[in-house]
C-alpha cells in the first residue's frame, strides 16, 4: 500500500491528469467514489455558475465520471441527448433524461451533467468534485457564497474555482446555515486572510470564535462576494495586520 502526504493529493493540475485523485472501491457493495474529495451539485441559477459552465469542455466519459452515477446508470453516460440524436435511448417522446460529461480545463475536474426535460422544461444539475486545494501559484482574491450553498474562490488571476473542501466538511453562510457549516466556513476564511490568500488547502477545521460564526450566519456573508482584503480591514474577527495583496483579479 502506498501512503501519500495529504498536500500531495490534489486534483488541481490538468497536466498531471488524475494521478493525485484518491478513489475507493467496495466491490462487495458495488460502491466506487472519492475518498477525500467532496461531491458538489450545482444548478444553473447564478452568473458564477454560468461563468463556470461556459468554460467546461465536452469529453468522453471516463472512470471518474462513473463515480457520480449509480452502476445501472453508467451506460446512460454514453447515450446522446435528444437534442443531438432524436432516436437516443435517453429520449422519451419530446422528453429527455440523459447525462453529459465534461472536464474543467483549469483544474482537471470531472463534471457530469444530469439533464431532465419534461413538459418543455429543462433542468440541468452539474455534479463535480471540490478540489482539496487550488494550484500552488493560485492566490485567492475573494470567496463567493453563491446561491444554493455553492461556494467559489476567485483568484488574483481572475479564475473562478469551486472552493476547496474536504469530503467530511461542508460550508454554510447566511441565517439558515447550521452552526457547523458556518464554523467551518469561518475557519477557512480566517485561514485565507491570515495567509494572504495563499494557503488554500482545505483542512476541515472549525473556528472557536462565536463572533465569527455569528457573522457568517448573518446576511453579511450570505450570497456575497467576500473580498479578503476588505474582510481583513473591516471585520474585527480577522487579523487586522494581514491582508491579501492589493492586486485585483485579471480581466
Protein backbone atom coordinates (compact mmCIF):
# COMPACT_ATOMS: atom_id res chain seq x y z
CA UNK A 1 0.00 0.00 0.00
CA UNK A 2 1.34 3.42 -0.96
CA UNK A 3 0.94 6.25 1.53
CA UNK A 4 0.77 9.86 0.32
CA UNK A 5 1.04 13.06 2.29
CA UNK A 6 -2.24 14.97 2.24
CA UNK A 7 -0.89 18.07 0.37
CA UNK A 8 0.17 15.80 -2.50
CA UNK A 9 -3.37 14.62 -3.11
CA UNK A 10 -4.89 17.46 -5.08
CA UNK A 11 -6.82 17.20 -8.30
CA UNK A 12 -5.71 20.65 -9.44
CA UNK A 13 -3.17 20.18 -12.20
CA UNK A 14 -4.62 19.18 -15.59
CA UNK A 15 -1.10 18.40 -16.76
CA UNK A 16 -0.94 15.57 -14.23
CA UNK A 17 -4.35 14.18 -15.09
CA UNK A 18 -5.85 12.11 -12.31
CA UNK A 19 -2.58 11.00 -10.70
CA UNK A 20 -3.42 12.76 -7.43
CA UNK A 21 -7.08 11.87 -7.16
CA UNK A 22 -7.97 9.34 -4.47
CA UNK A 23 -10.71 6.80 -5.14
CA UNK A 24 -12.05 3.98 -3.04
CA UNK A 25 -13.96 0.93 -4.16
CA UNK A 26 -16.04 -1.65 -2.31
CA UNK A 27 -16.79 -4.37 -4.87
CA UNK A 28 -18.92 -6.29 -2.39
CA UNK A 29 -21.27 -3.33 -2.10
CA UNK A 30 -20.82 -2.14 -5.71
CA UNK A 31 -19.54 1.19 -4.43
CA UNK A 32 -16.97 3.48 -6.06
CA UNK A 33 -16.31 7.05 -5.06
CA UNK A 34 -13.89 9.67 -3.82
CA UNK A 35 -12.08 9.17 -0.56
CA UNK A 36 -11.49 12.81 0.42
CA UNK A 37 -12.90 15.00 -2.35
CA UNK A 38 -16.37 16.35 -1.63
CA UNK A 39 -19.11 15.92 -4.23
CA UNK A 40 -20.77 19.18 -5.30
CA UNK A 41 -24.16 19.51 -7.05
CA UNK A 42 -24.58 22.76 -8.97
CA UNK A 43 -27.64 24.13 -10.76
CA UNK A 44 -27.58 26.87 -13.36
CA UNK A 45 -29.03 29.77 -11.39
CA UNK A 46 -26.29 32.38 -10.96
CA UNK A 47 -23.76 34.33 -13.06
CA UNK A 48 -20.95 32.44 -11.31
CA UNK A 49 -22.36 29.07 -12.35
CA UNK A 50 -22.80 30.33 -15.91
CA UNK A 51 -19.19 31.51 -15.99
CA UNK A 52 -18.00 28.10 -14.80
CA UNK A 53 -20.25 26.13 -17.18
CA UNK A 54 -19.13 28.22 -20.16
CA UNK A 55 -15.53 27.11 -19.74
CA UNK A 56 -16.25 23.38 -19.40
CA UNK A 57 -15.05 21.16 -22.26
CA UNK A 58 -17.08 18.20 -23.51
CA UNK A 59 -15.30 14.86 -23.32
CA UNK A 60 -15.95 11.13 -23.46
CA UNK A 61 -16.96 9.52 -20.14
CA UNK A 62 -14.09 8.13 -18.11
CA UNK A 63 -13.72 6.24 -14.84
CA UNK A 64 -14.11 9.34 -12.68
CA UNK A 65 -17.38 10.29 -14.36
CA UNK A 66 -18.85 6.92 -13.40
CA UNK A 67 -18.44 7.74 -9.69
CA UNK A 68 -21.26 10.32 -9.95
CA UNK A 69 -23.94 7.86 -11.08
CA UNK A 70 -25.33 4.55 -9.91
CA UNK A 71 -24.00 1.38 -11.52
CA UNK A 72 -27.12 0.82 -13.60
CA UNK A 73 -26.83 4.38 -14.93
CA UNK A 74 -23.27 4.04 -16.25
CA UNK A 75 -24.39 3.02 -19.79
CA UNK A 76 -26.51 6.18 -19.92
CA UNK A 77 -23.34 8.27 -19.76
CA UNK A 78 -22.77 7.20 -23.37
CA UNK A 79 -26.31 7.93 -24.64
CA UNK A 80 -26.61 11.22 -26.57
CA UNK A 81 -29.07 13.92 -25.62
CA UNK A 82 -32.30 14.02 -27.62
CA UNK A 83 -31.09 17.37 -28.98
CA UNK A 84 -28.16 15.52 -30.54
CA UNK A 85 -29.99 12.36 -31.59
CA UNK A 86 -33.79 12.09 -31.61
CA UNK A 87 -33.51 8.29 -31.55
CA UNK A 88 -31.34 8.27 -28.44
CA UNK A 89 -32.29 5.78 -25.70
CA UNK A 90 -32.47 8.86 -23.44
CA UNK A 91 -35.40 10.22 -25.45
CA UNK A 92 -38.97 9.70 -24.31
CA UNK A 93 -41.18 11.40 -26.83
CA UNK A 94 -40.30 15.07 -26.51
CA UNK A 95 -38.76 14.49 -23.09
CA UNK A 96 -35.19 13.56 -22.26
CA UNK A 97 -33.31 12.09 -19.32
CA UNK A 98 -29.64 11.95 -20.21
CA UNK A 99 -26.13 12.71 -18.99
CA UNK A 100 -23.33 14.75 -20.49
CA UNK A 101 -19.69 14.63 -19.45
CA UNK A 102 -17.15 17.45 -19.33
CA UNK A 103 -13.83 18.33 -17.79
CA UNK A 104 -12.86 21.63 -16.19
CA UNK A 105 -9.78 22.69 -18.20
CA UNK A 106 -8.47 24.90 -15.39
CA UNK A 107 -8.34 22.23 -12.69
CA UNK A 108 -8.89 18.92 -14.47
CA UNK A 109 -12.04 18.17 -12.50
CA UNK A 110 -14.56 15.73 -14.00
CA UNK A 111 -18.10 17.06 -14.44
CA UNK A 112 -21.32 15.15 -15.13
CA UNK A 113 -24.48 16.98 -16.12
CA UNK A 114 -27.83 15.35 -15.39
CA UNK A 115 -30.40 16.63 -17.88
CA UNK A 116 -34.15 16.32 -17.35
CA UNK A 117 -36.69 17.64 -19.85
CA UNK A 118 -40.37 17.32 -19.05
CA UNK A 119 -43.33 19.32 -20.32
CA UNK A 120 -40.96 21.60 -22.18
CA UNK A 121 -38.96 22.48 -19.04
CA UNK A 122 -35.22 21.78 -18.96
CA UNK A 123 -33.26 21.20 -15.79
CA UNK A 124 -29.52 20.66 -15.55
CA UNK A 125 -27.70 19.56 -12.40
CA UNK A 126 -23.92 19.55 -12.66
CA UNK A 127 -22.01 17.13 -10.45
CA UNK A 128 -18.32 17.57 -9.75
CA UNK A 129 -15.72 17.26 -7.01
CA UNK A 130 -14.35 20.08 -4.90
CA UNK A 131 -10.55 20.24 -5.05
CA UNK A 132 -8.58 19.71 -1.86
CA UNK A 133 -6.56 22.84 -2.65
CA UNK A 134 -6.01 25.20 -5.54
CA UNK A 135 -2.84 25.20 -7.62
CA UNK A 136 0.42 26.15 -5.87
CA UNK A 137 0.63 29.53 -7.63
CA UNK A 138 -3.05 30.43 -7.13
CA UNK A 139 -3.74 33.30 -4.71
CA UNK A 140 -7.34 33.81 -3.61
CA UNK A 141 -8.69 37.34 -4.05
CA UNK A 142 -12.28 36.71 -2.93
CA UNK A 143 -14.67 33.99 -1.84
CA UNK A 144 -18.23 33.76 -3.17
CA UNK A 145 -21.13 32.42 -1.11
CA UNK A 146 -23.39 31.68 -4.06
CA UNK A 147 -26.98 30.55 -4.34
CA UNK A 148 -27.86 27.04 -3.21
CA UNK A 149 -24.95 26.92 -0.76
CA UNK A 150 -22.37 26.64 -3.56
CA UNK A 151 -19.06 28.30 -2.72
CA UNK A 152 -16.43 29.62 -5.12
CA UNK A 153 -12.96 31.14 -4.94
CA UNK A 154 -11.81 33.91 -7.29
CA UNK A 155 -8.04 34.05 -7.75
CA UNK A 156 -5.99 37.18 -8.37
CA UNK A 157 -5.61 35.80 -11.90
CA UNK A 158 -9.36 36.09 -12.36
CA UNK A 159 -10.02 32.33 -12.39
CA UNK A 160 -13.19 31.05 -10.73
CA UNK A 161 -12.82 27.77 -8.86
CA UNK A 162 -15.00 25.56 -6.71
CA UNK A 163 -13.93 26.34 -3.17
CA UNK A 164 -11.62 23.63 -1.78
CA UNK A 165 -13.37 21.36 0.69
CA UNK A 166 -12.90 18.01 2.39
CA UNK A 167 -15.45 15.25 1.89
CA UNK A 168 -16.33 15.27 5.59
CA UNK A 169 -16.82 19.04 5.82
CA UNK A 170 -19.49 21.35 4.44
CA UNK A 171 -19.73 25.13 4.31
CA UNK A 172 -22.66 27.29 5.30
CA UNK A 173 -23.40 31.02 5.20
CA UNK A 174 -26.45 33.10 5.98
CA UNK A 175 -29.25 32.93 8.56
CA UNK A 176 -30.29 29.41 7.60
CA UNK A 177 -26.83 27.88 7.74
CA UNK A 178 -26.10 25.44 10.51
CA UNK A 179 -23.54 26.26 13.15
CA UNK A 180 -21.21 23.51 11.93
CA UNK A 181 -21.15 24.74 8.33
CA UNK A 182 -20.72 28.35 9.42
CA UNK A 183 -17.89 27.41 11.76
CA UNK A 184 -16.04 25.51 9.04
CA UNK A 185 -16.53 28.31 6.52
CA UNK A 186 -15.43 30.93 9.04
CA UNK A 187 -12.26 28.99 9.83
CA UNK A 188 -11.46 28.71 6.11
CA UNK A 189 -11.97 32.45 5.60
CA UNK A 190 -9.69 33.13 8.57
CA UNK A 191 -7.06 30.81 7.07
CA UNK A 192 -7.16 32.64 3.74
CA UNK A 193 -6.94 36.09 5.33
CA UNK A 194 -4.05 35.10 7.61
CA UNK A 195 -2.11 33.61 4.66
CA UNK A 196 -2.90 36.49 2.30
CA UNK A 197 -4.93 34.09 0.16
CA UNK A 198 -2.07 31.65 -0.38
CA UNK A 199 -2.94 28.77 1.96
CA UNK A 200 -5.85 27.26 0.00
CA UNK A 201 -5.74 23.67 1.27
CA UNK A 202 -8.98 22.56 2.92
CA UNK A 203 -8.29 21.37 6.45
CA UNK A 204 -11.81 20.83 7.75
CA UNK A 205 -11.20 22.97 10.83
CA UNK A 206 -13.85 24.75 12.88
CA UNK A 207 -13.43 28.22 14.32
CA UNK A 208 -13.65 28.76 18.06
CA UNK A 209 -14.80 32.37 17.55
CA UNK A 210 -18.51 32.75 18.30
CA UNK A 211 -18.33 36.27 16.86
CA UNK A 212 -17.04 34.89 13.56
CA UNK A 213 -19.71 32.17 13.44
CA UNK A 214 -22.45 34.73 14.11
CA UNK A 215 -21.12 36.97 11.33
CA UNK A 216 -21.00 34.08 8.83
CA UNK A 217 -24.59 33.19 9.77
CA UNK A 218 -25.76 36.74 9.13
CA UNK A 219 -26.88 38.33 5.86
CA UNK A 220 -23.44 39.94 5.60
CA UNK A 221 -21.88 36.69 4.38
CA UNK A 222 -24.91 35.25 2.55
CA UNK A 223 -24.88 35.32 -1.26
CA UNK A 224 -21.98 37.73 -1.27
CA UNK A 225 -18.58 38.01 -2.91
CA UNK A 226 -16.29 38.41 0.10
CA UNK A 227 -13.07 40.21 -0.82
CA UNK A 228 -10.36 39.07 1.58
CA UNK A 229 -8.67 42.47 1.69
CA UNK A 230 -11.94 44.08 2.80
CA UNK A 231 -12.57 41.40 5.41
CA UNK A 232 -9.12 41.91 6.92
CA UNK A 233 -9.64 45.68 7.05
CA UNK A 234 -13.19 45.88 8.36
CA UNK A 235 -14.08 42.78 10.35
CA UNK A 236 -12.54 42.57 13.84
CA UNK A 237 -12.73 38.77 13.87
CA UNK A 238 -9.94 38.64 11.31
CA UNK A 239 -6.32 39.57 11.88
CA UNK A 240 -6.06 43.36 11.41
CA UNK A 241 -2.40 43.37 10.36
CA UNK A 242 -2.65 40.87 7.46
CA UNK A 243 -4.48 41.35 4.22
CA UNK A 244 -4.21 39.83 0.74
CA UNK A 245 -2.27 41.52 -1.98
CA UNK A 246 -3.91 44.65 -3.30
CA UNK A 247 -3.74 43.10 -6.76
CA UNK A 248 -7.19 42.86 -8.31
CA UNK A 249 -8.33 39.89 -10.41
CA UNK A 250 -7.21 39.88 -14.02
CA UNK A 251 -9.96 40.57 -16.51
